[in-house]
Protein backbone atom coordinates (compact mmCIF):
# COMPACT_ATOMS: atom_id res chain seq x y z
CA MET A 1 -75.24 5.10 -47.93
CA ASN A 2 -74.60 2.42 -45.51
CA SER A 3 -71.04 1.67 -45.39
CA ASN A 4 -72.00 -1.89 -43.99
CA PRO A 5 -74.98 -3.24 -45.71
CA PHE A 6 -74.78 -6.75 -44.52
CA ASN A 7 -74.71 -5.69 -40.69
CA ILE A 8 -71.78 -7.98 -39.90
CA SER A 9 -70.31 -6.73 -36.61
CA THR A 10 -66.92 -5.04 -36.71
CA GLU A 11 -65.90 -5.09 -32.96
CA LYS A 12 -64.18 -7.70 -31.83
CA SER A 13 -65.98 -10.05 -28.84
CA PRO A 14 -65.06 -10.13 -25.60
CA ALA A 15 -62.97 -13.80 -26.13
CA SER A 16 -61.27 -11.95 -29.21
CA SER A 17 -60.07 -9.10 -26.64
CA ARG A 18 -59.26 -11.30 -24.05
CA ARG A 19 -56.97 -13.69 -26.48
CA SER A 20 -55.43 -10.46 -27.70
CA MET A 21 -54.82 -9.34 -24.20
CA TRP A 22 -53.51 -12.24 -23.08
CA SER A 23 -51.03 -13.08 -26.05
CA TYR A 24 -49.74 -9.27 -25.37
CA ILE A 25 -49.05 -10.43 -21.72
CA GLY A 26 -47.48 -13.45 -22.69
CA ILE A 27 -45.29 -11.75 -25.00
CA MET A 28 -44.45 -9.07 -21.83
CA LYS A 29 -43.41 -12.26 -20.17
CA LEU A 30 -40.84 -13.58 -22.88
CA ASP A 31 -39.14 -10.35 -22.45
CA ILE A 32 -39.22 -10.21 -18.86
CA TYR A 33 -37.95 -13.99 -18.85
CA ILE A 34 -35.26 -13.35 -21.54
CA ILE A 35 -33.89 -9.84 -19.81
CA LYS A 36 -33.88 -11.63 -16.27
CA LYS A 37 -31.74 -14.82 -17.84
CA PHE A 38 -29.59 -12.94 -19.92
CA VAL A 39 -28.79 -10.06 -17.32
CA SER A 40 -28.42 -12.46 -14.18
CA THR A 41 -25.96 -15.01 -16.72
CA PHE A 42 -23.73 -12.23 -16.96
CA LEU A 43 -23.67 -11.13 -13.37
CA PHE A 44 -23.18 -14.74 -12.70
CA ALA A 45 -20.10 -15.10 -15.38
CA ILE A 46 -18.58 -11.79 -14.17
CA MET A 47 -18.85 -12.85 -10.45
CA VAL A 48 -17.37 -15.78 -10.88
CA LEU A 49 -14.42 -14.30 -13.03
CA ALA A 50 -14.04 -11.71 -10.06
CA VAL A 51 -13.49 -14.07 -7.37
CA ILE A 52 -10.83 -16.04 -9.94
CA SER A 53 -9.34 -12.77 -10.80
CA CYS A 54 -9.04 -11.69 -7.02
CA VAL A 55 -7.91 -14.79 -5.91
CA ILE A 56 -4.81 -15.77 -8.55
CA ASP A 57 -3.99 -11.57 -7.86
CA TYR A 58 -3.54 -12.54 -4.81
CA SER A 59 -1.48 -15.15 -4.85
CA GLU A 60 0.92 -13.03 -6.93
CA LYS A 61 1.26 -10.22 -4.53
CA VAL A 62 1.00 -12.02 -0.65
CA ASP A 63 4.66 -11.65 -0.82
CA ASN A 64 4.93 -7.96 -0.97
CA ILE A 65 1.58 -7.72 1.09
CA VAL A 66 2.99 -9.66 4.23
CA SER A 67 6.69 -8.24 4.00
CA LYS A 68 5.47 -4.91 3.83
CA LYS A 69 2.67 -5.61 6.30
CA ALA A 70 -0.67 -3.88 4.40
CA PRO A 71 -3.21 -3.75 6.93
CA MET A 72 -6.43 -6.20 6.40
CA LEU A 73 -9.10 -3.25 5.61
CA VAL A 74 -6.51 -1.77 3.07
CA VAL A 75 -6.42 -4.58 1.11
CA LEU A 76 -10.18 -5.28 1.35
CA ASN A 77 -9.98 -2.04 -0.28
CA TYR A 78 -7.51 -2.36 -2.42
CA TYR A 79 -9.85 -5.49 -4.01
CA LYS A 80 -13.15 -3.96 -3.52
CA ASN A 81 -11.96 -1.23 -6.37
CA PHE A 82 -9.45 -3.88 -8.25
CA VAL A 83 -13.13 -5.99 -9.01
CA PRO A 84 -14.31 -2.61 -11.14
CA HIS A 85 -10.73 -2.20 -12.63
CA ILE A 86 -11.29 -6.30 -14.33
CA THR A 87 -14.80 -6.51 -14.93
CA ALA A 88 -13.99 -3.29 -17.11
CA LEU A 89 -11.26 -4.76 -19.31
CA LEU A 90 -13.21 -7.86 -19.83
CA PHE A 91 -16.71 -6.77 -20.18
CA PRO A 92 -17.16 -6.98 -24.02
CA LEU A 93 -16.29 -10.82 -23.65
CA PHE A 94 -17.82 -11.46 -20.43
CA ILE A 95 -21.40 -9.81 -22.48
CA PHE A 96 -20.72 -12.04 -25.37
CA ILE A 97 -20.28 -15.31 -23.64
CA ALA A 98 -22.88 -14.57 -21.22
CA THR A 99 -25.31 -14.55 -24.83
CA ILE A 100 -24.02 -17.74 -26.08
CA PHE A 101 -24.25 -19.26 -22.89
CA PHE A 102 -27.72 -18.76 -22.02
CA THR A 103 -29.39 -18.48 -26.02
CA SER A 104 -27.45 -22.02 -26.49
CA LYS A 105 -29.26 -23.31 -23.79
CA LEU A 106 -32.73 -22.54 -24.96
CA ALA A 107 -32.17 -23.96 -28.67
CA TYR A 108 -30.95 -26.76 -27.14
CA LYS A 109 -34.00 -27.70 -25.25
CA SER A 110 -36.12 -26.11 -28.41
CA GLU A 111 -37.61 -23.34 -26.80
CA ILE A 112 -36.57 -20.68 -29.33
CA ILE A 113 -37.74 -23.04 -31.65
CA ALA A 114 -41.32 -22.86 -29.81
CA ILE A 115 -41.12 -19.29 -29.88
CA LEU A 116 -40.58 -18.99 -33.11
CA SER A 117 -43.24 -21.55 -33.79
CA SER A 118 -46.14 -19.34 -32.37
CA GLY A 119 -45.71 -16.27 -34.56
CA VAL A 120 -43.23 -14.41 -32.56
CA SER A 121 -40.70 -13.42 -35.58
CA TYR A 122 -37.20 -13.34 -35.08
CA GLN A 123 -36.71 -9.96 -35.47
CA ARG A 124 -38.83 -9.70 -32.35
CA PHE A 125 -37.39 -12.16 -30.31
CA ILE A 126 -34.12 -10.61 -29.89
CA ARG A 127 -35.42 -7.58 -29.08
CA PRO A 128 -35.10 -8.04 -25.18
CA TYR A 129 -31.73 -8.66 -25.75
CA LEU A 130 -31.08 -5.65 -27.10
CA ILE A 131 -33.15 -4.05 -24.47
CA GLY A 132 -30.81 -6.20 -22.00
CA ALA A 133 -27.42 -5.41 -23.71
CA ALA A 134 -28.78 -1.52 -24.06
CA PHE A 135 -28.84 -1.35 -20.32
CA LEU A 136 -25.54 -3.18 -19.41
CA CYS A 137 -23.89 -1.24 -21.98
CA THR A 138 -25.25 2.27 -20.70
CA ILE A 139 -23.87 1.14 -17.54
CA SER A 140 -20.56 0.37 -18.50
CA LEU A 141 -20.39 3.86 -20.83
CA ILE A 142 -20.93 5.86 -17.12
CA ALA A 143 -18.46 3.94 -15.38
CA ASN A 144 -15.47 3.62 -18.07
CA HIS A 145 -15.95 7.33 -18.15
CA TRP A 146 -16.35 8.19 -13.86
CA ILE A 147 -16.55 5.20 -11.75
CA ILE A 148 -13.52 3.02 -12.92
CA PRO A 149 -10.93 5.26 -12.86
CA LEU A 150 -11.59 6.94 -8.89
CA ALA A 151 -11.03 2.87 -8.35
CA ASN A 152 -8.13 2.86 -10.30
CA LYS A 153 -6.85 6.20 -8.09
CA GLN A 154 -6.99 3.88 -4.85
CA ARG A 155 -5.55 0.51 -6.58
CA ILE A 156 -2.79 2.19 -8.38
CA ALA A 157 -2.05 4.15 -4.94
CA PHE A 158 -2.25 0.62 -2.74
CA GLU A 159 0.25 -0.89 -5.61
CA ASP A 160 2.90 1.78 -5.38
CA LYS A 161 2.82 1.40 -1.93
CA TYR A 162 2.40 -2.12 -1.28
CA ILE A 163 3.34 -3.78 -4.50
CA ASN A 164 6.05 -2.55 -6.18
CA ASP A 165 9.36 -3.06 -4.75
CA ASP A 166 10.83 0.52 -4.38
CA ASN A 167 9.25 4.35 -5.68
CA PHE A 168 11.32 5.01 -9.14
CA LYS A 169 14.61 6.25 -8.04
CA SER A 170 15.64 7.69 -11.41
CA ALA A 171 13.45 9.80 -14.22
CA GLY A 172 15.47 8.71 -16.77
CA GLU A 173 17.62 11.00 -19.02
CA ASN A 174 17.25 14.11 -21.25
CA MET A 175 14.12 15.40 -20.00
CA HIS A 176 12.10 17.82 -21.66
CA LEU A 177 9.18 19.16 -20.32
CA GLY A 178 7.48 22.70 -21.39
CA ILE A 179 5.54 25.17 -18.39
CA SER A 180 4.07 27.91 -20.57
CA LYS A 181 3.45 28.80 -24.53
CA ASP A 182 7.03 30.10 -24.82
CA THR A 183 9.37 28.48 -22.03
CA TYR A 184 10.80 25.23 -22.33
CA VAL A 185 12.95 23.57 -19.21
CA TYR A 186 15.43 20.71 -19.69
CA LEU A 187 16.85 18.10 -17.24
CA GLN A 188 19.78 15.48 -18.35
CA ASN A 189 18.97 13.50 -15.03
CA TYR A 190 16.47 14.00 -11.89
CA ASN A 191 17.70 11.42 -8.35
CA TYR A 192 14.08 11.46 -6.49
CA SER A 193 16.19 10.08 -3.24
CA THR A 194 18.31 12.78 -3.43
CA ASN A 195 15.87 15.62 -5.20
CA SER A 196 18.78 16.93 -7.38
CA GLY A 197 18.68 17.19 -10.90
CA THR A 198 22.09 17.95 -13.18
CA HIS A 199 22.69 20.10 -16.25
CA PHE A 200 19.31 21.90 -15.75
CA THR A 201 18.27 24.57 -19.19
CA GLU A 202 14.98 26.65 -19.14
CA GLU A 203 14.79 28.40 -22.76
CA LYS A 204 12.05 31.30 -23.31
CA ILE A 205 11.63 31.72 -27.29
CA LYS A 206 9.07 34.20 -29.26
CA GLY A 207 8.64 32.84 -32.40
CA THR A 208 12.38 32.21 -33.76
CA LEU A 209 13.98 34.06 -31.16
CA LEU A 210 16.01 32.64 -27.93
CA GLN A 211 15.16 35.40 -25.54
CA VAL A 212 16.39 34.08 -22.84
CA LYS A 213 18.43 31.22 -22.07
CA LYS A 214 19.28 30.10 -18.13
CA MET A 215 21.70 27.46 -17.25
CA ALA A 216 22.34 25.52 -13.90
CA ASP A 217 25.18 22.93 -13.32
CA TYR A 218 22.34 21.46 -10.89
CA VAL A 219 19.45 21.94 -9.37
CA THR A 220 17.40 20.94 -6.02
CA TYR A 221 13.83 21.01 -5.23
CA ASP A 222 12.80 22.36 -1.90
CA SER A 223 9.45 19.68 -1.60
CA VAL A 224 7.98 22.10 1.61
CA LYS A 225 8.15 25.97 0.30
CA LYS A 226 7.69 23.80 -3.89
CA ILE A 227 10.73 26.08 -5.27
CA TRP A 228 13.33 25.34 -7.29
CA ARG A 229 17.21 25.97 -5.90
CA LEU A 230 19.47 26.67 -9.45
CA HIS A 231 23.17 26.21 -8.79
CA ASN A 232 26.32 28.37 -10.62
CA ILE A 233 24.13 29.54 -13.24
CA VAL A 234 24.42 31.31 -16.59
CA ILE A 235 21.98 33.54 -17.87
CA ARG A 236 22.10 34.52 -21.20
CA THR A 237 19.98 37.25 -22.86
CA ASN A 238 19.54 38.02 -26.48
CA ASP A 239 17.12 41.25 -27.10
CA SER A 240 17.97 40.74 -31.09
CA ASN A 241 20.38 43.72 -30.79
CA LYS A 242 22.82 42.25 -28.30
CA GLU A 243 23.50 39.35 -26.16
CA THR A 244 24.48 39.66 -22.32
CA ILE A 245 25.89 37.02 -20.44
CA THR A 246 24.88 37.07 -16.38
CA HIS A 247 26.18 34.57 -13.85
CA LEU A 248 24.72 33.99 -10.59
CA ALA A 249 25.89 31.31 -7.81
CA GLU A 250 22.54 30.58 -6.99
CA GLN A 251 18.61 31.43 -7.46
CA ASP A 252 15.18 30.67 -6.13
CA VAL A 253 12.52 29.61 -8.90
CA LYS A 254 9.01 28.90 -8.11
CA TYR A 255 8.34 26.89 -11.46
CA PRO A 256 4.85 25.82 -12.69
CA PHE A 257 5.80 21.48 -12.12
CA THR A 258 7.33 19.31 -10.19
CA PRO A 259 9.56 16.04 -9.87
CA ALA A 260 6.58 14.36 -10.33
CA ASP A 261 5.90 16.02 -13.66
CA LEU A 262 8.72 14.61 -14.93
CA ASN A 263 8.37 10.66 -14.84
CA ARG A 264 4.04 10.61 -15.77
CA THR A 265 3.85 7.22 -16.41
CA ASP A 266 1.04 5.59 -18.47
CA ALA A 267 -0.95 3.99 -15.80
CA ILE A 268 -1.88 7.38 -14.82
CA LYS A 269 -4.30 7.36 -17.42
CA GLU A 270 -6.50 4.83 -15.90
CA ALA A 271 -6.92 6.83 -13.01
CA LEU A 272 -8.17 10.08 -14.25
CA THR A 273 -11.84 10.69 -14.99
CA THR A 274 -12.28 11.59 -18.63
CA PRO A 275 -12.83 15.45 -18.02
CA GLU A 276 -9.36 14.78 -15.93
CA LEU A 277 -7.99 13.21 -18.89
CA ASN A 278 -9.30 16.20 -20.93
CA LYS A 279 -7.15 18.60 -18.68
CA TYR A 280 -4.05 16.12 -18.48
CA ILE A 281 -3.58 15.63 -22.62
CA ALA A 282 -3.53 19.40 -22.91
CA THR A 283 -1.21 19.83 -19.99
CA GLU A 284 1.23 17.23 -21.57
CA GLN A 285 0.58 19.41 -24.92
CA LEU A 286 1.87 22.53 -23.31
CA HIS A 287 4.93 20.52 -21.76
CA GLY A 288 5.30 19.61 -25.24
CA ARG A 289 4.69 15.70 -25.11
CA GLU A 290 5.08 14.15 -28.74
CA ASN A 291 3.35 11.16 -28.74
CA LEU A 292 -0.02 11.37 -26.76
CA ASN A 293 -1.60 8.43 -28.47
CA SER A 294 -1.66 6.06 -26.00
CA TYR A 295 -3.76 8.68 -23.91
CA PHE A 296 -6.06 9.35 -26.79
CA VAL A 297 -6.78 5.83 -26.98
CA GLU A 298 -7.49 5.18 -23.64
CA LYS A 299 -10.21 8.22 -24.07
CA GLU A 300 -11.53 6.58 -27.13
CA ARG A 301 -11.79 2.87 -25.58
CA ARG A 302 -13.74 3.73 -22.69
CA SER A 303 -16.92 4.64 -25.52
CA ALA A 304 -16.22 2.04 -27.87
CA GLN A 305 -16.10 -0.57 -25.29
CA PRO A 306 -19.59 -0.75 -24.49
CA PHE A 307 -20.80 -0.32 -27.78
CA ALA A 308 -18.47 -3.36 -28.90
CA GLY A 309 -20.83 -5.67 -26.30
CA PHE A 310 -23.62 -4.80 -28.19
CA ILE A 311 -22.48 -6.03 -31.21
CA LEU A 312 -20.61 -8.94 -29.41
CA THR A 313 -24.41 -9.55 -28.55
CA ILE A 314 -26.23 -9.50 -31.48
CA ILE A 315 -23.66 -11.99 -32.89
CA GLY A 316 -23.87 -14.13 -29.63
CA VAL A 317 -27.71 -14.22 -30.37
CA SER A 318 -27.48 -15.00 -34.14
CA ILE A 319 -24.46 -18.07 -33.53
CA ALA A 320 -26.35 -19.83 -30.52
CA SER A 321 -30.03 -19.37 -31.70
CA ARG A 322 -29.84 -21.65 -33.93
CA LYS A 323 -30.05 -25.67 -32.24
CA ILE A 324 -27.02 -27.72 -33.64
CA ARG A 325 -24.47 -30.63 -32.74
CA GLY A 326 -22.27 -30.22 -30.02
CA GLY A 327 -24.82 -27.77 -28.04
CA SER A 328 -23.50 -25.31 -25.54
CA GLY A 329 -19.83 -26.13 -26.32
CA LEU A 330 -19.97 -25.77 -29.76
CA HIS A 331 -21.25 -22.47 -29.34
CA LEU A 332 -18.92 -21.27 -26.72
CA ALA A 333 -15.97 -22.94 -28.74
CA LEU A 334 -17.57 -20.48 -31.35
CA GLY A 335 -17.76 -17.12 -28.87
CA ILE A 336 -14.11 -17.83 -27.64
CA ILE A 337 -12.74 -17.87 -30.97
CA ILE A 338 -14.75 -14.95 -31.79
CA SER A 339 -13.75 -12.72 -28.86
CA ALA A 340 -10.09 -13.84 -29.31
CA VAL A 341 -10.19 -12.60 -33.46
CA TYR A 342 -11.99 -9.22 -31.50
CA ILE A 343 -9.35 -8.77 -28.93
CA MET A 344 -6.35 -9.46 -31.47
CA PHE A 345 -8.38 -6.98 -33.96
CA LEU A 346 -8.49 -4.27 -31.07
CA GLN A 347 -4.69 -4.92 -29.74
CA THR A 348 -3.55 -4.70 -33.12
CA SER A 349 -4.70 -1.92 -34.20
CA THR A 350 -4.02 0.12 -30.98
CA THR A 351 -0.65 -0.75 -31.15
CA PHE A 352 -0.54 1.01 -35.09
CA SER A 353 -2.20 4.04 -33.26
CA THR A 354 0.63 4.12 -30.27
CA LYS A 355 3.69 3.02 -31.60
CA SER A 356 2.70 4.84 -35.24
CA ASP A 357 0.47 8.06 -36.80
CA LEU A 358 -2.88 5.59 -36.99
CA SER A 359 -5.77 7.85 -35.80
CA PRO A 360 -6.43 6.62 -32.25
CA PHE A 361 -10.55 6.83 -33.07
CA LEU A 362 -9.99 4.47 -35.98
CA ALA A 363 -7.76 1.98 -34.15
CA VAL A 364 -10.24 1.99 -31.33
CA TRP A 365 -13.13 1.63 -33.99
CA ILE A 366 -11.89 -0.09 -36.34
CA PRO A 367 -12.78 -3.78 -34.90
CA ASN A 368 -16.20 -2.30 -33.62
CA PHE A 369 -16.61 -1.28 -37.55
CA ILE A 370 -15.40 -4.73 -38.99
CA PHE A 371 -17.43 -6.34 -36.59
CA SER A 372 -20.60 -4.30 -36.80
CA GLY A 373 -20.81 -5.82 -40.75
CA VAL A 374 -20.35 -9.26 -38.81
CA ALA A 375 -23.46 -8.75 -37.27
CA TYR A 376 -25.19 -7.59 -39.85
CA PHE A 377 -24.19 -10.36 -42.03
CA LEU A 378 -25.59 -12.74 -39.14
CA TYR A 379 -28.44 -11.27 -38.38
CA ARG A 380 -29.61 -11.26 -41.45
CA ARG A 381 -28.87 -14.95 -42.69
CA GLN A 382 -31.16 -15.88 -39.25
CA ILE A 383 -34.07 -13.71 -40.24
CA LYS A 384 -33.71 -15.39 -43.90
C-alpha cells in the first residue's frame, strides 16, 4: 500500500536546505565568536595582571637586586618564571572576571536577547562558554602539575640567591629524621655556617626493641666526601639478653641525608612536579615527619583549581547574561564579591586541614562542591 496516497513530496526543497545550512553555519559562527571573545578577554586580563604584578614585585625587590648585582638576563629570566606563578595563583578569579566582563557587554548591547529570540536555547547559548572554559582549564591542569613547578624552581632559586637577606644559619632545635624503616636520627641544633651540630643521636629500633643507640656530643658534615663525622661517641647495643657500651673518639658515617634535609621549607612543594611531590611526600613520611597536610593540600589544589575555573565560568555566564540596571559595573561587583567568598571558603578549609585533622581532599574540594550547587541553581534559574 502506498504510504503517501496524496503524493505529497517529503523531500526538502533546495531553498529549505540552503536555509538549514546557513542556519547551521550561523550557529557555528556564534560559537566561534563567543569562544574567541571569551578566550581573548581572559588572555587580556591575565596580561594586564602579569604586567602590574611584575611592576609591583620589582619595586619591592629592586633594592636587593641592585645591592646583590643580579645580572639583567637573570632578572628577566626570573620574571619569565614569575608570570606563570602569579597567573596560576589567580586563574579561577580571572577566568570568572573575564566571563562576567564579556557576557555583561553582550547583555548590555541586547545581543543575548537577540540570540535567544532567534530560537537558540539557553543551553545552546552557554555551550561555547563551556568549550572555552574546558580548553583553558585543561591547559591550567597540565600547567599546574608539570609546567608551573618547573618555573617555580628557577623563581625560588633566584629569590634564595638575590632576594632573601641571608641563607638560613640555623635549622632550629630538636630535629628528628627517619633515615630508614627502623633507623631514626636526632639533632639538638645545626649551624649551617660551620656545618656542625650538637647532641646527635642515632637509634635503631626493631619492633619495640631498641637495638642500638649511638650518641655523639657533636657532628660535622663534609660536603665534599658527603659524610658525617661524629665526635665523642657512646654506642649502646642491646641484644635483649645483655647491653654493651662502646666509647669512640671519632667515627665517619655516610648517612642517607644532608644538612638541607634538616630545614625543608614549605616553599619546596611549589617547585616539585606532581610525580616529584609524590616521591617527596613518601620520603618525608619515611623520615617520620608527622604533619604533611600542606603538601597533600598542594597536590589536591593543582587539580581542584582548574575545576573551580570551570564552575565559576557557569556562575559568571548565569549572572551576567541578564540585562540589568548598572550594566557591567554591577556584574563585576557581584563577580568580585563571589570570588572573595570563594577564596574565603578555600582559605578557611585549607587552614582547617593544615592546622587540624581535616582531610586535604575535602579541604580543597569543599568550596568546589558548594559552588557547584550555586552554579546549578543559577543555571536552572536562567533556563526558567
